[in-house]
Amino acid sequence: MFTGIVEEVGTVRALTQEGDAVALSVAANVVLDGLALGDSVSVDGTCLTVAALEEGGFRVGLSPETLRRTSLASLRKGSRVNLERAVRASDRLGGHIVQGHVDGVAKVVGVVPEGDSVRMTFQVPPNLARYIVEKGFVALDGVSLTVTERSGDRFGIALVAYTRDHVALSQKREGDAVNLEVDVLAKYVESIVGIRVDGGSAVS
């Protein structure tokens, strides 16, 4: 589990085809502290398993399923990625509960400076829009953010100056894809209550 508080921005060293999977090598510094083989690490919001520790970095494997469901297939050598180690039980939960299980890919449809902040607007797959509510949480490329507004399949967030300077998300432009994880609590509530979202009646 993660909190969506990015620890550092790493740099992609290489993506190498290995059979049906892809090996992703990332240069990092902060997240290497205490990192061990088999640990979970969030790379742009995707929970991945450390397969190898390298000098000044680490390597993970990207399965076909991961490549289909996330934006990681678009990474290239030199791409900047948000990194976070798994949270300890004793850590502060500074963001929100983030699993690192990407629900889908959202698209940037607006980037507007506002004072020392930047307002960004995203378009999401229609089946995920229902989980996004104003003043609720989302994780975008692993960054815990508050929804400032929502209309249909679009929603907005604000990147304050500090966040903008410490995450790779601020480099995204219109048309770019980002990994989206909606608030898992909303999905659990829907499942428990038995809400039917296909026009049918609620079930118990």
N, C-alpha and C. Protein backbone atom coordinates (compact mmCIF):
# COMPACT_ATOMS: atom_id res chain seq x y z
N MET A 1 0.84 -1.19 0.00
CA MET A 1 0.00 0.00 0.00
C MET A 1 0.88 1.25 0.00
N PHE A 2 0.35 2.32 -0.60
CA PHE A 2 1.08 3.58 -0.70
C PHE A 2 0.18 4.72 -0.22
N THR A 3 0.75 5.92 -0.17
CA THR A 3 -0.02 7.08 0.28
C THR A 3 -0.20 8.13 -0.80
N GLY A 4 0.49 7.98 -1.92
CA GLY A 4 0.39 8.98 -2.98
C GLY A 4 1.26 10.20 -2.73
N ILE A 5 2.17 10.11 -1.74
CA ILE A 5 3.12 11.18 -1.49
C ILE A 5 4.45 10.78 -2.15
N VAL A 6 4.75 11.38 -3.27
CA VAL A 6 5.92 11.00 -4.06
C VAL A 6 7.20 11.29 -3.28
N GLU A 7 8.08 10.28 -3.22
CA GLU A 7 9.34 10.44 -2.49
C GLU A 7 10.43 11.05 -3.36
N GLU A 8 10.42 10.71 -4.63
CA GLU A 8 11.38 11.31 -5.55
C GLU A 8 10.95 11.04 -6.98
N VAL A 9 11.52 11.78 -7.90
CA VAL A 9 11.29 11.57 -9.32
C VAL A 9 12.51 10.85 -9.88
N GLY A 10 12.30 9.65 -10.39
CA GLY A 10 13.38 8.86 -10.97
C GLY A 10 13.44 9.04 -12.48
N THR A 11 14.45 8.45 -13.09
CA THR A 11 14.63 8.55 -14.54
C THR A 11 14.76 7.15 -15.13
N VAL A 12 14.01 6.91 -16.19
CA VAL A 12 14.07 5.61 -16.87
C VAL A 12 15.42 5.45 -17.54
N ARG A 13 16.09 4.35 -17.22
CA ARG A 13 17.37 4.04 -17.85
C ARG A 13 17.18 3.24 -19.13
N ALA A 14 16.28 2.25 -19.05
CA ALA A 14 16.09 1.38 -20.21
C ALA A 14 14.81 0.58 -20.06
N LEU A 15 14.24 0.19 -21.19
CA LEU A 15 13.16 -0.78 -21.25
C LEU A 15 13.63 -1.89 -22.19
N THR A 16 13.66 -3.11 -21.68
CA THR A 16 14.20 -4.22 -22.44
C THR A 16 13.19 -5.35 -22.54
N GLN A 17 12.93 -5.82 -23.74
CA GLN A 17 12.00 -6.92 -23.94
C GLN A 17 12.61 -8.21 -23.40
N GLU A 18 11.85 -8.91 -22.56
CA GLU A 18 12.29 -10.18 -22.00
C GLU A 18 11.15 -11.18 -22.15
N GLY A 19 11.13 -11.88 -23.27
CA GLY A 19 10.02 -12.80 -23.55
C GLY A 19 8.75 -12.02 -23.77
N ASP A 20 7.70 -12.36 -23.01
CA ASP A 20 6.42 -11.66 -23.13
C ASP A 20 6.36 -10.42 -22.24
N ALA A 21 7.39 -10.21 -21.43
CA ALA A 21 7.39 -9.08 -20.50
C ALA A 21 8.45 -8.06 -20.90
N VAL A 22 8.44 -6.94 -20.19
CA VAL A 22 9.41 -5.87 -20.42
C VAL A 22 10.09 -5.56 -19.10
N ALA A 23 11.41 -5.48 -19.12
CA ALA A 23 12.16 -5.10 -17.93
C ALA A 23 12.37 -3.60 -17.96
N LEU A 24 12.01 -2.95 -16.85
CA LEU A 24 12.14 -1.50 -16.73
C LEU A 24 13.21 -1.18 -15.70
N SER A 25 14.24 -0.46 -16.12
CA SER A 25 15.33 -0.05 -15.23
C SER A 25 15.18 1.43 -14.93
N VAL A 26 15.23 1.78 -13.64
CA VAL A 26 15.00 3.15 -13.21
C VAL A 26 16.16 3.63 -12.34
N ALA A 27 16.68 4.80 -12.66
CA ALA A 27 17.70 5.42 -11.82
C ALA A 27 17.00 6.14 -10.68
N ALA A 28 17.50 5.92 -9.46
CA ALA A 28 16.86 6.51 -8.28
C ALA A 28 17.90 6.73 -7.20
N ASN A 29 17.47 7.38 -6.12
CA ASN A 29 18.37 7.64 -5.01
C ASN A 29 17.65 7.40 -3.69
N VAL A 30 16.67 8.25 -3.39
CA VAL A 30 15.97 8.20 -2.10
C VAL A 30 15.32 6.85 -1.85
N VAL A 31 14.59 6.32 -2.84
CA VAL A 31 13.83 5.09 -2.61
C VAL A 31 14.70 3.85 -2.47
N LEU A 32 15.99 3.98 -2.77
CA LEU A 32 16.88 2.83 -2.64
C LEU A 32 17.18 2.51 -1.18
N ASP A 33 16.97 3.47 -0.30
CA ASP A 33 17.25 3.28 1.12
C ASP A 33 16.33 2.20 1.69
N GLY A 34 16.90 1.07 2.05
CA GLY A 34 16.12 -0.02 2.62
C GLY A 34 15.40 -0.89 1.61
N LEU A 35 15.49 -0.55 0.33
CA LEU A 35 14.80 -1.31 -0.70
C LEU A 35 15.47 -2.67 -0.88
N ALA A 36 14.66 -3.73 -0.98
CA ALA A 36 15.19 -5.08 -1.11
C ALA A 36 14.50 -5.81 -2.25
N LEU A 37 15.11 -6.89 -2.70
CA LEU A 37 14.50 -7.71 -3.73
C LEU A 37 13.13 -8.19 -3.27
N GLY A 38 12.14 -8.11 -4.15
CA GLY A 38 10.79 -8.55 -3.81
C GLY A 38 9.93 -7.47 -3.19
N ASP A 39 10.52 -6.32 -2.85
CA ASP A 39 9.73 -5.21 -2.30
C ASP A 39 8.82 -4.61 -3.36
N SER A 40 7.75 -4.00 -2.89
CA SER A 40 6.86 -3.26 -3.78
C SER A 40 7.30 -1.81 -3.87
N VAL A 41 7.25 -1.27 -5.07
CA VAL A 41 7.57 0.14 -5.28
C VAL A 41 6.58 0.69 -6.29
N SER A 42 6.13 1.90 -6.06
CA SER A 42 5.18 2.54 -6.98
C SER A 42 5.96 3.34 -8.02
N VAL A 43 5.74 3.00 -9.28
CA VAL A 43 6.35 3.72 -10.40
C VAL A 43 5.21 4.34 -11.20
N ASP A 44 5.10 5.66 -11.14
CA ASP A 44 3.98 6.37 -11.77
C ASP A 44 2.64 5.76 -11.37
N GLY A 45 2.54 5.42 -10.07
CA GLY A 45 1.27 4.95 -9.55
C GLY A 45 0.99 3.48 -9.76
N THR A 46 1.94 2.75 -10.31
CA THR A 46 1.76 1.32 -10.57
C THR A 46 2.61 0.52 -9.59
N CYS A 47 1.97 -0.35 -8.82
CA CYS A 47 2.69 -1.17 -7.84
C CYS A 47 3.47 -2.25 -8.58
N LEU A 48 4.80 -2.22 -8.44
CA LEU A 48 5.66 -3.17 -9.13
C LEU A 48 6.61 -3.82 -8.14
N THR A 49 7.10 -5.00 -8.50
CA THR A 49 7.99 -5.75 -7.62
C THR A 49 9.44 -5.59 -8.05
N VAL A 50 10.29 -5.26 -7.09
CA VAL A 50 11.71 -5.08 -7.40
C VAL A 50 12.32 -6.43 -7.75
N ALA A 51 12.80 -6.55 -8.99
CA ALA A 51 13.39 -7.80 -9.46
C ALA A 51 14.91 -7.80 -9.33
N ALA A 52 15.50 -6.61 -9.31
CA ALA A 52 16.96 -6.51 -9.18
C ALA A 52 17.32 -5.14 -8.67
N LEU A 53 18.37 -5.10 -7.85
CA LEU A 53 18.94 -3.83 -7.40
C LEU A 53 20.18 -3.56 -8.22
N GLU A 54 20.28 -2.36 -8.77
CA GLU A 54 21.39 -1.99 -9.64
C GLU A 54 22.14 -0.82 -9.02
N GLU A 55 23.31 -0.54 -9.53
CA GLU A 55 24.07 0.61 -9.05
C GLU A 55 23.28 1.88 -9.35
N GLY A 56 22.82 2.56 -8.28
CA GLY A 56 22.07 3.80 -8.47
C GLY A 56 20.69 3.62 -9.03
N GLY A 57 20.10 2.44 -8.82
CA GLY A 57 18.75 2.24 -9.33
C GLY A 57 18.21 0.85 -9.05
N PHE A 58 17.15 0.48 -9.73
CA PHE A 58 16.53 -0.83 -9.56
C PHE A 58 15.84 -1.24 -10.86
N ARG A 59 15.47 -2.52 -10.93
CA ARG A 59 14.79 -3.03 -12.12
C ARG A 59 13.52 -3.76 -11.71
N VAL A 60 12.46 -3.56 -12.50
CA VAL A 60 11.19 -4.24 -12.27
C VAL A 60 10.73 -4.85 -13.59
N GLY A 61 9.79 -5.77 -13.51
CA GLY A 61 9.23 -6.37 -14.71
C GLY A 61 7.83 -5.84 -14.98
N LEU A 62 7.53 -5.62 -16.24
CA LEU A 62 6.20 -5.16 -16.65
C LEU A 62 5.54 -6.28 -17.44
N SER A 63 4.50 -6.86 -16.88
CA SER A 63 3.79 -7.95 -17.55
C SER A 63 2.91 -7.40 -18.67
N PRO A 64 2.46 -8.25 -19.59
CA PRO A 64 1.52 -7.79 -20.62
C PRO A 64 0.28 -7.12 -20.03
N GLU A 65 -0.22 -7.65 -18.90
CA GLU A 65 -1.39 -7.05 -18.24
C GLU A 65 -1.09 -5.63 -17.78
N THR A 66 0.08 -5.43 -17.20
CA THR A 66 0.48 -4.09 -16.75
C THR A 66 0.60 -3.14 -17.93
N LEU A 67 1.19 -3.60 -19.01
CA LEU A 67 1.35 -2.77 -20.20
C LEU A 67 0.01 -2.40 -20.82
N ARG A 68 -0.97 -3.32 -20.74
CA ARG A 68 -2.29 -3.04 -21.30
C ARG A 68 -3.06 -2.02 -20.48
N ARG A 69 -2.92 -2.07 -19.16
CA ARG A 69 -3.78 -1.28 -18.28
C ARG A 69 -3.21 0.06 -17.85
N THR A 70 -1.94 0.28 -18.12
CA THR A 70 -1.29 1.51 -17.66
C THR A 70 -0.67 2.27 -18.82
N SER A 71 -0.10 3.42 -18.49
CA SER A 71 0.59 4.22 -19.51
C SER A 71 2.08 3.91 -19.58
N LEU A 72 2.53 2.89 -18.84
CA LEU A 72 3.96 2.61 -18.76
C LEU A 72 4.57 2.19 -20.09
N ALA A 73 3.75 1.68 -21.00
CA ALA A 73 4.27 1.28 -22.31
C ALA A 73 4.80 2.47 -23.09
N SER A 74 4.37 3.67 -22.72
CA SER A 74 4.81 4.87 -23.45
C SER A 74 6.12 5.44 -22.91
N LEU A 75 6.65 4.84 -21.83
CA LEU A 75 7.91 5.33 -21.27
C LEU A 75 9.06 5.11 -22.24
N ARG A 76 10.03 6.00 -22.18
CA ARG A 76 11.23 5.90 -23.00
C ARG A 76 12.44 6.19 -22.13
N LYS A 77 13.62 5.87 -22.62
CA LYS A 77 14.84 6.21 -21.92
C LYS A 77 14.86 7.71 -21.67
N GLY A 78 15.07 8.09 -20.41
CA GLY A 78 15.07 9.51 -20.04
C GLY A 78 13.76 10.00 -19.48
N SER A 79 12.68 9.20 -19.61
CA SER A 79 11.38 9.61 -19.04
C SER A 79 11.51 9.74 -17.53
N ARG A 80 10.82 10.74 -16.97
CA ARG A 80 10.82 10.95 -15.53
C ARG A 80 9.58 10.29 -14.94
N VAL A 81 9.76 9.58 -13.83
CA VAL A 81 8.66 8.83 -13.22
C VAL A 81 8.60 9.10 -11.72
N ASN A 82 7.38 9.14 -11.19
CA ASN A 82 7.16 9.33 -9.76
C ASN A 82 7.41 8.03 -9.03
N LEU A 83 8.16 8.09 -7.92
CA LEU A 83 8.52 6.90 -7.16
C LEU A 83 8.08 7.02 -5.70
N GLU A 84 7.61 5.91 -5.15
CA GLU A 84 7.27 5.84 -3.73
C GLU A 84 7.44 4.41 -3.25
N ARG A 85 8.10 4.25 -2.10
CA ARG A 85 8.18 2.95 -1.48
C ARG A 85 6.86 2.64 -0.76
N ALA A 86 6.62 1.35 -0.53
CA ALA A 86 5.42 0.96 0.21
C ALA A 86 5.44 1.57 1.60
N VAL A 87 4.27 1.95 2.09
CA VAL A 87 4.17 2.61 3.39
C VAL A 87 4.33 1.61 4.52
N ARG A 88 4.98 2.03 5.59
CA ARG A 88 5.05 1.22 6.81
C ARG A 88 3.80 1.46 7.65
N ALA A 89 3.49 0.50 8.50
CA ALA A 89 2.31 0.64 9.36
C ALA A 89 2.46 1.83 10.31
N SER A 90 3.70 2.21 10.63
CA SER A 90 3.93 3.30 11.58
C SER A 90 4.04 4.67 10.91
N ASP A 91 3.97 4.72 9.56
CA ASP A 91 4.13 5.99 8.86
C ASP A 91 2.87 6.83 8.91
N ARG A 92 3.05 8.15 8.72
CA ARG A 92 1.90 9.04 8.58
C ARG A 92 1.25 8.80 7.22
N LEU A 93 -0.08 8.82 7.21
CA LEU A 93 -0.82 8.69 5.95
C LEU A 93 -1.07 10.09 5.41
N GLY A 94 -0.05 10.66 4.78
CA GLY A 94 -0.12 12.05 4.35
C GLY A 94 -1.05 12.29 3.17
N GLY A 95 -1.26 11.27 2.36
CA GLY A 95 -2.15 11.42 1.20
C GLY A 95 -3.45 10.68 1.46
N HIS A 96 -3.66 9.56 0.73
CA HIS A 96 -4.80 8.69 0.98
C HIS A 96 -4.38 7.26 0.67
N ILE A 97 -5.26 6.31 0.89
CA ILE A 97 -4.92 4.91 0.64
C ILE A 97 -4.80 4.68 -0.86
N VAL A 98 -3.59 4.38 -1.30
CA VAL A 98 -3.32 4.12 -2.72
C VAL A 98 -2.78 2.71 -2.84
N GLN A 99 -3.41 1.88 -3.64
CA GLN A 99 -2.99 0.49 -3.77
C GLN A 99 -1.90 0.30 -4.82
N GLY A 100 -1.83 1.21 -5.76
CA GLY A 100 -0.92 1.00 -6.87
C GLY A 100 -1.51 0.08 -7.93
N HIS A 101 -2.82 -0.12 -7.85
CA HIS A 101 -3.54 -0.93 -8.83
C HIS A 101 -4.28 0.03 -9.77
N VAL A 102 -3.70 0.28 -10.90
CA VAL A 102 -4.23 1.28 -11.82
C VAL A 102 -5.58 0.84 -12.37
N ASP A 103 -6.57 1.73 -12.28
CA ASP A 103 -7.91 1.42 -12.77
C ASP A 103 -8.07 1.71 -14.25
N GLY A 104 -7.30 2.65 -14.76
CA GLY A 104 -7.40 3.02 -16.17
C GLY A 104 -6.47 4.17 -16.48
N VAL A 105 -6.52 4.60 -17.71
CA VAL A 105 -5.67 5.69 -18.17
C VAL A 105 -6.53 6.91 -18.47
N ALA A 106 -6.18 8.03 -17.86
CA ALA A 106 -6.88 9.29 -18.11
C ALA A 106 -6.05 10.13 -19.08
N LYS A 107 -6.69 11.10 -19.73
CA LYS A 107 -6.00 11.95 -20.69
C LYS A 107 -6.04 13.40 -20.24
N VAL A 108 -4.92 14.08 -20.34
CA VAL A 108 -4.86 15.50 -20.00
C VAL A 108 -5.58 16.28 -21.10
N VAL A 109 -6.57 17.09 -20.70
CA VAL A 109 -7.31 17.88 -21.68
C VAL A 109 -7.21 19.38 -21.41
N GLY A 110 -6.50 19.75 -20.34
CA GLY A 110 -6.34 21.18 -20.05
C GLY A 110 -5.25 21.42 -19.03
N VAL A 111 -4.42 22.43 -19.29
CA VAL A 111 -3.37 22.85 -18.35
C VAL A 111 -3.38 24.36 -18.32
N VAL A 112 -3.76 24.94 -17.16
CA VAL A 112 -3.92 26.39 -17.06
C VAL A 112 -3.20 26.91 -15.82
N PRO A 113 -2.20 27.79 -15.96
CA PRO A 113 -1.55 28.39 -14.79
C PRO A 113 -2.55 29.23 -14.01
N GLU A 114 -2.43 29.21 -12.68
CA GLU A 114 -3.31 30.00 -11.81
C GLU A 114 -2.51 30.44 -10.60
N GLY A 115 -1.99 31.64 -10.64
CA GLY A 115 -1.10 32.11 -9.59
C GLY A 115 0.17 31.28 -9.60
N ASP A 116 0.56 30.76 -8.43
CA ASP A 116 1.74 29.90 -8.39
C ASP A 116 1.36 28.43 -8.51
N SER A 117 0.09 28.18 -8.83
CA SER A 117 -0.40 26.81 -9.01
C SER A 117 -0.72 26.56 -10.48
N VAL A 118 -1.05 25.33 -10.79
CA VAL A 118 -1.47 24.95 -12.14
C VAL A 118 -2.73 24.11 -12.02
N ARG A 119 -3.76 24.50 -12.76
CA ARG A 119 -4.98 23.70 -12.81
C ARG A 119 -4.89 22.76 -13.99
N MET A 120 -5.16 21.48 -13.75
CA MET A 120 -5.13 20.48 -14.81
C MET A 120 -6.49 19.80 -14.90
N THR A 121 -6.93 19.57 -16.12
CA THR A 121 -8.20 18.89 -16.36
C THR A 121 -7.94 17.59 -17.09
N PHE A 122 -8.67 16.55 -16.68
CA PHE A 122 -8.48 15.22 -17.24
C PHE A 122 -9.80 14.64 -17.72
N GLN A 123 -9.71 13.82 -18.74
CA GLN A 123 -10.87 13.06 -19.23
C GLN A 123 -10.64 11.60 -18.87
N VAL A 124 -11.66 10.96 -18.30
CA VAL A 124 -11.52 9.59 -17.82
C VAL A 124 -12.46 8.67 -18.58
N PRO A 125 -12.16 7.37 -18.60
CA PRO A 125 -13.10 6.42 -19.19
C PRO A 125 -14.45 6.53 -18.49
N PRO A 126 -15.55 6.49 -19.23
CA PRO A 126 -16.88 6.67 -18.63
C PRO A 126 -17.17 5.74 -17.46
N ASN A 127 -16.65 4.52 -17.49
CA ASN A 127 -16.94 3.57 -16.42
C ASN A 127 -16.24 3.92 -15.10
N LEU A 128 -15.30 4.86 -15.13
CA LEU A 128 -14.60 5.27 -13.91
C LEU A 128 -15.07 6.62 -13.39
N ALA A 129 -15.77 7.37 -14.21
CA ALA A 129 -16.17 8.73 -13.82
C ALA A 129 -17.04 8.73 -12.56
N ARG A 130 -17.84 7.69 -12.37
CA ARG A 130 -18.77 7.66 -11.23
C ARG A 130 -18.06 7.61 -9.88
N TYR A 131 -16.80 7.19 -9.88
CA TYR A 131 -16.06 7.09 -8.63
C TYR A 131 -15.37 8.40 -8.24
N ILE A 132 -15.44 9.39 -9.11
CA ILE A 132 -14.74 10.65 -8.87
C ILE A 132 -15.73 11.71 -8.41
N VAL A 133 -15.48 12.28 -7.23
CA VAL A 133 -16.38 13.28 -6.68
C VAL A 133 -15.59 14.51 -6.27
N GLU A 134 -16.24 15.65 -6.33
CA GLU A 134 -15.59 16.89 -5.93
C GLU A 134 -15.13 16.81 -4.47
N LYS A 135 -13.91 17.21 -4.23
CA LYS A 135 -13.24 17.17 -2.93
C LYS A 135 -12.89 15.75 -2.48
N GLY A 136 -13.06 14.78 -3.39
CA GLY A 136 -12.61 13.43 -3.11
C GLY A 136 -11.17 13.25 -3.55
N PHE A 137 -10.65 12.04 -3.41
CA PHE A 137 -9.26 11.75 -3.77
C PHE A 137 -9.16 10.98 -5.08
N VAL A 138 -8.09 11.23 -5.80
CA VAL A 138 -7.66 10.38 -6.91
C VAL A 138 -6.14 10.28 -6.83
N ALA A 139 -5.59 9.25 -7.45
CA ALA A 139 -4.14 9.14 -7.61
C ALA A 139 -3.85 9.22 -9.10
N LEU A 140 -3.03 10.17 -9.50
CA LEU A 140 -2.64 10.35 -10.89
C LEU A 140 -1.14 10.16 -11.01
N ASP A 141 -0.74 9.14 -11.76
CA ASP A 141 0.68 8.75 -11.83
C ASP A 141 1.26 8.60 -10.42
N GLY A 142 0.41 8.11 -9.51
CA GLY A 142 0.86 7.85 -8.15
C GLY A 142 0.83 9.03 -7.21
N VAL A 143 0.34 10.17 -7.67
CA VAL A 143 0.29 11.37 -6.84
C VAL A 143 -1.10 11.51 -6.23
N SER A 144 -1.19 11.57 -4.91
CA SER A 144 -2.47 11.77 -4.23
C SER A 144 -2.93 13.21 -4.42
N LEU A 145 -4.12 13.39 -5.00
CA LEU A 145 -4.62 14.72 -5.30
C LEU A 145 -6.10 14.84 -4.96
N THR A 146 -6.51 16.07 -4.66
CA THR A 146 -7.91 16.36 -4.36
C THR A 146 -8.62 16.84 -5.62
N VAL A 147 -9.78 16.28 -5.87
CA VAL A 147 -10.59 16.68 -7.03
C VAL A 147 -11.21 18.05 -6.75
N THR A 148 -10.95 19.02 -7.60
CA THR A 148 -11.50 20.36 -7.40
C THR A 148 -12.86 20.54 -8.08
N GLU A 149 -13.11 19.75 -9.11
CA GLU A 149 -14.38 19.86 -9.83
C GLU A 149 -14.56 18.62 -10.70
N ARG A 150 -15.82 18.34 -11.02
CA ARG A 150 -16.09 17.23 -11.92
C ARG A 150 -17.35 17.52 -12.72
N SER A 151 -17.30 17.23 -14.02
CA SER A 151 -18.46 17.38 -14.90
C SER A 151 -18.42 16.27 -15.92
N GLY A 152 -19.38 15.35 -15.82
CA GLY A 152 -19.41 14.23 -16.75
C GLY A 152 -18.17 13.36 -16.61
N ASP A 153 -17.46 13.17 -17.72
CA ASP A 153 -16.26 12.33 -17.68
C ASP A 153 -14.99 13.16 -17.55
N ARG A 154 -15.12 14.40 -17.07
CA ARG A 154 -13.95 15.25 -16.87
C ARG A 154 -13.88 15.73 -15.42
N PHE A 155 -12.66 15.89 -14.95
CA PHE A 155 -12.47 16.42 -13.60
C PHE A 155 -11.19 17.24 -13.57
N GLY A 156 -11.09 18.10 -12.54
CA GLY A 156 -9.93 18.96 -12.42
C GLY A 156 -9.22 18.78 -11.09
N ILE A 157 -7.93 19.12 -11.10
CA ILE A 157 -7.12 19.13 -9.87
C ILE A 157 -6.25 20.39 -9.91
N ALA A 158 -5.69 20.75 -8.76
CA ALA A 158 -4.78 21.89 -8.71
C ALA A 158 -3.44 21.41 -8.17
N LEU A 159 -2.38 21.72 -8.90
CA LEU A 159 -1.03 21.41 -8.44
C LEU A 159 -0.45 22.66 -7.79
N VAL A 160 -0.32 22.64 -6.47
CA VAL A 160 0.28 23.78 -5.79
C VAL A 160 1.77 23.81 -6.10
N ALA A 161 2.40 24.93 -5.81
CA ALA A 161 3.79 25.14 -6.21
C ALA A 161 4.71 24.02 -5.72
N TYR A 162 4.60 23.63 -4.45
CA TYR A 162 5.50 22.61 -3.91
C TYR A 162 5.32 21.29 -4.66
N THR A 163 4.07 20.87 -4.82
CA THR A 163 3.80 19.61 -5.51
C THR A 163 4.30 19.67 -6.95
N ARG A 164 4.03 20.77 -7.61
CA ARG A 164 4.45 20.92 -9.01
C ARG A 164 5.96 20.75 -9.17
N ASP A 165 6.71 21.23 -8.18
CA ASP A 165 8.17 21.16 -8.26
C ASP A 165 8.74 19.81 -7.86
N HIS A 166 7.90 18.91 -7.33
CA HIS A 166 8.42 17.65 -6.81
C HIS A 166 7.80 16.41 -7.43
N VAL A 167 7.03 16.57 -8.49
CA VAL A 167 6.46 15.41 -9.18
C VAL A 167 6.62 15.56 -10.69
N ALA A 168 6.63 14.42 -11.37
CA ALA A 168 6.77 14.44 -12.83
C ALA A 168 5.46 14.80 -13.52
N LEU A 169 4.36 14.72 -12.79
CA LEU A 169 3.04 15.02 -13.38
C LEU A 169 2.98 16.42 -13.95
N SER A 170 3.72 17.36 -13.36
CA SER A 170 3.68 18.75 -13.81
C SER A 170 4.22 18.93 -15.22
N GLN A 171 4.91 17.92 -15.75
CA GLN A 171 5.45 18.01 -17.11
C GLN A 171 4.47 17.54 -18.17
N LYS A 172 3.35 17.00 -17.74
CA LYS A 172 2.36 16.50 -18.69
C LYS A 172 1.69 17.66 -19.42
N ARG A 173 1.35 17.42 -20.66
CA ARG A 173 0.70 18.42 -21.50
C ARG A 173 -0.58 17.84 -22.10
N GLU A 174 -1.37 18.68 -22.73
CA GLU A 174 -2.63 18.22 -23.33
C GLU A 174 -2.37 17.05 -24.27
N GLY A 175 -3.20 16.02 -24.12
CA GLY A 175 -3.07 14.83 -24.94
C GLY A 175 -2.27 13.72 -24.30
N ASP A 176 -1.50 14.05 -23.24
CA ASP A 176 -0.69 13.04 -22.57
C ASP A 176 -1.58 12.11 -21.72
N ALA A 177 -1.12 10.89 -21.55
CA ALA A 177 -1.84 9.90 -20.75
C ALA A 177 -1.25 9.82 -19.35
N VAL A 178 -2.10 9.58 -18.36
CA VAL A 178 -1.65 9.39 -16.98
C VAL A 178 -2.37 8.19 -16.38
N ASN A 179 -1.70 7.52 -15.45
CA ASN A 179 -2.31 6.39 -14.76
C ASN A 179 -3.28 6.91 -13.70
N LEU A 180 -4.47 6.36 -13.69
CA LEU A 180 -5.53 6.80 -12.77
C LEU A 180 -5.92 5.66 -11.83
N GLU A 181 -5.89 5.95 -10.54
CA GLU A 181 -6.46 5.04 -9.54
C GLU A 181 -7.49 5.81 -8.75
N VAL A 182 -8.73 5.36 -8.82
CA VAL A 182 -9.80 6.04 -8.07
C VAL A 182 -9.74 5.58 -6.63
N ASP A 183 -10.47 6.26 -5.78
CA ASP A 183 -10.49 5.95 -4.35
C ASP A 183 -11.08 4.55 -4.14
N VAL A 184 -10.29 3.64 -3.59
CA VAL A 184 -10.74 2.26 -3.40
C VAL A 184 -11.96 2.19 -2.48
N LEU A 185 -12.12 3.15 -1.56
CA LEU A 185 -13.26 3.14 -0.66
C LEU A 185 -14.58 3.25 -1.43
N ALA A 186 -14.57 4.03 -2.50
CA ALA A 186 -15.78 4.18 -3.31
C ALA A 186 -16.16 2.85 -3.96
N LYS A 187 -15.16 2.11 -4.41
CA LYS A 187 -15.45 0.82 -5.06
C LYS A 187 -15.95 -0.20 -4.06
N TYR A 188 -15.40 -0.17 -2.84
CA TYR A 188 -15.87 -1.09 -1.81
C TYR A 188 -17.32 -0.78 -1.42
N VAL A 189 -17.63 0.50 -1.27
CA VAL A 189 -18.99 0.89 -0.92
C VAL A 189 -19.96 0.42 -2.00
N GLU A 190 -19.59 0.63 -3.25
CA GLU A 190 -20.46 0.19 -4.35
C GLU A 190 -20.69 -1.31 -4.30
N SER A 191 -19.63 -2.06 -4.03
CA SER A 191 -19.74 -3.51 -3.99
C SER A 191 -20.60 -3.99 -2.82
N ILE A 192 -20.38 -3.39 -1.65
CA ILE A 192 -21.11 -3.81 -0.46
C ILE A 192 -22.59 -3.46 -0.55
N VAL A 193 -22.88 -2.25 -0.99
CA VAL A 193 -24.27 -1.81 -1.09
C VAL A 193 -24.97 -2.53 -2.23
N GLY A 194 -24.21 -2.95 -3.23
CA GLY A 194 -24.80 -3.68 -4.33
C GLY A 194 -25.44 -2.77 -5.35
N ILE A 195 -24.85 -1.59 -5.57
CA ILE A 195 -25.43 -0.66 -6.53
C ILE A 195 -25.28 -1.21 -7.94
N ARG A 196 -26.34 -1.17 -8.69
CA ARG A 196 -26.29 -1.54 -10.10
C ARG A 196 -26.12 -0.25 -10.90
N VAL A 197 -25.11 -0.22 -11.74
CA VAL A 197 -24.83 1.01 -12.49
C VAL A 197 -25.18 0.86 -13.97
N ASP A 198 -25.89 -0.22 -14.30
CA ASP A 198 -26.23 -0.44 -15.71
C ASP A 198 -27.70 -0.15 -15.99
N GLY A 199 -28.33 0.61 -15.08
CA GLY A 199 -29.72 0.98 -15.27
C GLY A 199 -30.69 0.07 -14.53
N GLY A 200 -30.18 -0.99 -13.91
CA GLY A 200 -31.04 -1.89 -13.17
C GLY A 200 -31.30 -1.39 -11.77
N SER A 201 -32.04 -2.16 -11.00
CA SER A 201 -32.35 -1.77 -9.63
C SER A 201 -31.23 -2.22 -8.70
N ALA A 202 -31.19 -1.60 -7.55
CA ALA A 202 -30.19 -1.98 -6.55
C ALA A 202 -30.50 -3.37 -6.02
N VAL A 203 -29.44 -4.10 -5.67
CA VAL A 203 -29.63 -5.43 -5.12
C VAL A 203 -29.04 -5.47 -3.72
N SER A 204 -29.47 -6.42 -2.93
CA SER A 204 -28.97 -6.52 -1.56
C SER A 204 -28.25 -7.85 -1.37
